[in-house]
Amino acid sequence: METLVMNMRWAGYLLIAFGLINWRYQNSFVVGAPLWIFGLALIIGTYVPAVHKLLVSKLGAAVVGLIILVLLVMAFIA
């Protein structure tokens, strides 16, 4: 379980970095904001016990993984 949480935190850091890079170089809050906002929410969620319990469930991990994948594809297409 702890490895899954650490991977989610790393994914959150990745989304924050991509979001800020997209925000800076494309001068678009609309493109960069969803990335870093979700990344920040993901990192904070791993420290809140109630949200942590939802994130480490199989369904929670699958949903988070799907959202991360969609946001990263958005980052490279935009």
N, C-alpha and C. Protein backbone atom coordinates (compact mmCIF):
# COMPACT_ATOMS: atom_id res chain seq x y z
N MET A 1 0.81 -1.20 0.00
CA MET A 1 0.00 0.00 0.00
C MET A 1 0.85 1.27 0.00
N GLU A 2 1.93 1.23 0.77
CA GLU A 2 2.76 2.44 0.86
C GLU A 2 3.43 2.77 -0.46
N THR A 3 3.77 1.74 -1.25
CA THR A 3 4.36 1.98 -2.56
C THR A 3 3.36 2.66 -3.48
N LEU A 4 2.10 2.25 -3.40
CA LEU A 4 1.05 2.88 -4.21
C LEU A 4 0.88 4.35 -3.84
N VAL A 5 0.92 4.64 -2.55
CA VAL A 5 0.78 6.03 -2.10
C VAL A 5 1.97 6.86 -2.56
N MET A 6 3.17 6.31 -2.47
CA MET A 6 4.35 7.05 -2.93
C MET A 6 4.29 7.29 -4.44
N ASN A 7 3.83 6.31 -5.18
CA ASN A 7 3.68 6.50 -6.62
C ASN A 7 2.63 7.57 -6.93
N MET A 8 1.57 7.64 -6.15
CA MET A 8 0.56 8.69 -6.35
C MET A 8 1.15 10.06 -6.04
N ARG A 9 1.96 10.14 -5.02
CA ARG A 9 2.60 11.42 -4.69
C ARG A 9 3.55 11.85 -5.81
N TRP A 10 4.32 10.90 -6.35
CA TRP A 10 5.21 11.23 -7.46
C TRP A 10 4.41 11.67 -8.68
N ALA A 11 3.29 11.02 -8.93
CA ALA A 11 2.43 11.43 -10.04
C ALA A 11 1.88 12.83 -9.80
N GLY A 12 1.57 13.16 -8.55
CA GLY A 12 1.12 14.51 -8.23
C GLY A 12 2.19 15.54 -8.51
N TYR A 13 3.43 15.24 -8.12
CA TYR A 13 4.54 16.15 -8.42
C TYR A 13 4.74 16.31 -9.92
N LEU A 14 4.60 15.21 -10.64
CA LEU A 14 4.73 15.25 -12.10
C LEU A 14 3.66 16.15 -12.72
N LEU A 15 2.42 16.01 -12.26
CA LEU A 15 1.34 16.83 -12.80
C LEU A 15 1.55 18.31 -12.47
N ILE A 16 2.04 18.59 -11.28
CA ILE A 16 2.32 19.99 -10.93
C ILE A 16 3.38 20.56 -11.86
N ALA A 17 4.44 19.80 -12.10
CA ALA A 17 5.51 20.29 -12.98
C ALA A 17 5.00 20.51 -14.40
N PHE A 18 4.28 19.53 -14.96
CA PHE A 18 3.76 19.69 -16.31
C PHE A 18 2.76 20.84 -16.39
N GLY A 19 1.94 20.99 -15.36
CA GLY A 19 0.96 22.08 -15.36
C GLY A 19 1.61 23.45 -15.35
N LEU A 20 2.64 23.60 -14.53
CA LEU A 20 3.32 24.90 -14.47
C LEU A 20 4.12 25.17 -15.74
N ILE A 21 4.70 24.13 -16.33
CA ILE A 21 5.42 24.31 -17.59
C ILE A 21 4.44 24.71 -18.70
N ASN A 22 3.31 24.01 -18.80
CA ASN A 22 2.32 24.36 -19.82
C ASN A 22 1.76 25.75 -19.60
N TRP A 23 1.55 26.12 -18.34
CA TRP A 23 1.00 27.42 -18.03
C TRP A 23 1.96 28.52 -18.46
N ARG A 24 3.25 28.29 -18.25
CA ARG A 24 4.25 29.31 -18.57
C ARG A 24 4.48 29.44 -20.07
N TYR A 25 4.69 28.31 -20.75
CA TYR A 25 5.11 28.38 -22.15
C TYR A 25 3.95 28.52 -23.12
N GLN A 26 2.75 28.20 -22.71
CA GLN A 26 1.62 28.38 -23.61
C GLN A 26 0.76 29.57 -23.20
N ASN A 27 1.16 30.23 -22.12
CA ASN A 27 0.42 31.40 -21.61
C ASN A 27 -1.07 31.12 -21.52
N SER A 28 -1.41 29.94 -21.02
CA SER A 28 -2.80 29.55 -20.93
C SER A 28 -3.07 28.94 -19.57
N PHE A 29 -3.90 29.62 -18.78
CA PHE A 29 -4.31 29.08 -17.49
C PHE A 29 -5.20 27.86 -17.69
N VAL A 30 -5.98 27.85 -18.76
CA VAL A 30 -6.92 26.76 -19.03
C VAL A 30 -6.19 25.45 -19.29
N VAL A 31 -5.03 25.51 -19.93
CA VAL A 31 -4.28 24.29 -20.25
C VAL A 31 -3.50 23.80 -19.04
N GLY A 32 -2.88 24.68 -18.30
CA GLY A 32 -2.01 24.26 -17.21
C GLY A 32 -2.71 24.04 -15.88
N ALA A 33 -3.78 24.77 -15.63
CA ALA A 33 -4.42 24.72 -14.31
C ALA A 33 -4.97 23.35 -13.93
N PRO A 34 -5.68 22.64 -14.81
CA PRO A 34 -6.19 21.33 -14.38
C PRO A 34 -5.08 20.36 -13.97
N LEU A 35 -3.94 20.48 -14.60
CA LEU A 35 -2.83 19.58 -14.27
C LEU A 35 -2.30 19.84 -12.87
N TRP A 36 -1.93 21.08 -12.58
CA TRP A 36 -1.33 21.31 -11.27
C TRP A 36 -2.35 21.30 -10.15
N ILE A 37 -3.60 21.66 -10.44
CA ILE A 37 -4.63 21.61 -9.39
C ILE A 37 -4.90 20.16 -8.99
N PHE A 38 -5.05 19.27 -9.99
CA PHE A 38 -5.27 17.86 -9.65
C PHE A 38 -4.03 17.27 -8.98
N GLY A 39 -2.85 17.64 -9.43
CA GLY A 39 -1.62 17.16 -8.80
C GLY A 39 -1.54 17.57 -7.34
N LEU A 40 -1.87 18.81 -7.05
CA LEU A 40 -1.86 19.31 -5.68
C LEU A 40 -2.92 18.59 -4.85
N ALA A 41 -4.11 18.41 -5.41
CA ALA A 41 -5.18 17.71 -4.70
C ALA A 41 -4.79 16.26 -4.42
N LEU A 42 -4.10 15.64 -5.37
CA LEU A 42 -3.67 14.26 -5.19
C LEU A 42 -2.64 14.14 -4.07
N ILE A 43 -1.69 15.05 -4.04
CA ILE A 43 -0.68 15.02 -2.98
C ILE A 43 -1.32 15.25 -1.62
N ILE A 44 -2.19 16.24 -1.52
CA ILE A 44 -2.87 16.53 -0.25
C ILE A 44 -3.75 15.35 0.15
N GLY A 45 -4.43 14.75 -0.83
CA GLY A 45 -5.30 13.62 -0.54
C GLY A 45 -4.59 12.42 0.03
N THR A 46 -3.32 12.24 -0.31
CA THR A 46 -2.58 11.10 0.23
C THR A 46 -2.24 11.28 1.71
N TYR A 47 -2.34 12.50 2.22
CA TYR A 47 -2.06 12.76 3.63
C TYR A 47 -3.32 12.81 4.50
N VAL A 48 -4.49 12.92 3.90
CA VAL A 48 -5.75 12.94 4.64
C VAL A 48 -6.23 11.49 4.79
N PRO A 49 -6.40 11.02 6.03
CA PRO A 49 -6.71 9.60 6.24
C PRO A 49 -7.96 9.10 5.50
N ALA A 50 -9.04 9.86 5.50
CA ALA A 50 -10.27 9.40 4.85
C ALA A 50 -10.08 9.29 3.33
N VAL A 51 -9.40 10.26 2.74
CA VAL A 51 -9.16 10.23 1.29
C VAL A 51 -8.12 9.17 0.97
N HIS A 52 -7.14 9.02 1.83
CA HIS A 52 -6.09 8.00 1.65
C HIS A 52 -6.71 6.61 1.53
N LYS A 53 -7.70 6.34 2.37
CA LYS A 53 -8.36 5.04 2.34
C LYS A 53 -9.06 4.81 1.00
N LEU A 54 -9.67 5.85 0.44
CA LEU A 54 -10.33 5.73 -0.86
C LEU A 54 -9.31 5.57 -1.99
N LEU A 55 -8.20 6.27 -1.90
CA LEU A 55 -7.20 6.23 -2.96
C LEU A 55 -6.51 4.88 -3.08
N VAL A 56 -6.33 4.17 -1.98
CA VAL A 56 -5.61 2.90 -2.03
C VAL A 56 -6.51 1.72 -2.35
N SER A 57 -7.82 1.95 -2.46
CA SER A 57 -8.69 0.86 -2.90
C SER A 57 -8.44 0.59 -4.38
N LYS A 58 -8.83 -0.58 -4.85
CA LYS A 58 -8.59 -0.93 -6.25
C LYS A 58 -9.31 0.02 -7.19
N LEU A 59 -10.54 0.34 -6.88
CA LEU A 59 -11.30 1.27 -7.72
C LEU A 59 -10.70 2.67 -7.68
N GLY A 60 -10.32 3.12 -6.50
CA GLY A 60 -9.72 4.44 -6.36
C GLY A 60 -8.42 4.56 -7.13
N ALA A 61 -7.58 3.54 -7.03
CA ALA A 61 -6.30 3.55 -7.75
C ALA A 61 -6.53 3.54 -9.26
N ALA A 62 -7.52 2.77 -9.71
CA ALA A 62 -7.81 2.72 -11.15
C ALA A 62 -8.34 4.06 -11.66
N VAL A 63 -9.21 4.69 -10.89
CA VAL A 63 -9.77 5.99 -11.30
C VAL A 63 -8.68 7.05 -11.32
N VAL A 64 -7.85 7.08 -10.29
CA VAL A 64 -6.75 8.06 -10.24
C VAL A 64 -5.78 7.83 -11.38
N GLY A 65 -5.46 6.57 -11.64
CA GLY A 65 -4.55 6.26 -12.75
C GLY A 65 -5.12 6.70 -14.09
N LEU A 66 -6.41 6.50 -14.29
CA LEU A 66 -7.06 6.92 -15.54
C LEU A 66 -7.06 8.44 -15.67
N ILE A 67 -7.36 9.14 -14.58
CA ILE A 67 -7.37 10.61 -14.62
C ILE A 67 -5.96 11.14 -14.90
N ILE A 68 -4.96 10.55 -14.27
CA ILE A 68 -3.57 10.98 -14.51
C ILE A 68 -3.20 10.76 -15.97
N LEU A 69 -3.56 9.60 -16.51
CA LEU A 69 -3.26 9.30 -17.91
C LEU A 69 -3.92 10.31 -18.85
N VAL A 70 -5.18 10.62 -18.61
CA VAL A 70 -5.90 11.58 -19.45
C VAL A 70 -5.27 12.96 -19.35
N LEU A 71 -4.91 13.38 -18.14
CA LEU A 71 -4.31 14.70 -17.97
C LEU A 71 -2.93 14.78 -18.64
N LEU A 72 -2.14 13.71 -18.57
CA LEU A 72 -0.84 13.73 -19.23
C LEU A 72 -0.98 13.76 -20.75
N VAL A 73 -1.94 13.03 -21.27
CA VAL A 73 -2.19 13.09 -22.73
C VAL A 73 -2.63 14.50 -23.11
N MET A 74 -3.48 15.11 -22.29
CA MET A 74 -3.91 16.48 -22.52
C MET A 74 -2.71 17.44 -22.53
N ALA A 75 -1.78 17.20 -21.62
CA ALA A 75 -0.61 18.08 -21.51
C ALA A 75 0.25 18.02 -22.77
N PHE A 76 0.40 16.85 -23.36
CA PHE A 76 1.24 16.73 -24.54
C PHE A 76 0.52 17.12 -25.82
N ILE A 77 -0.79 17.00 -25.84
CA ILE A 77 -1.55 17.38 -27.04
C ILE A 77 -1.76 18.88 -27.10
N ALA A 78 -1.97 19.50 -25.95
CA ALA A 78 -2.28 20.93 -25.91
C ALA A 78 -1.13 21.79 -26.35
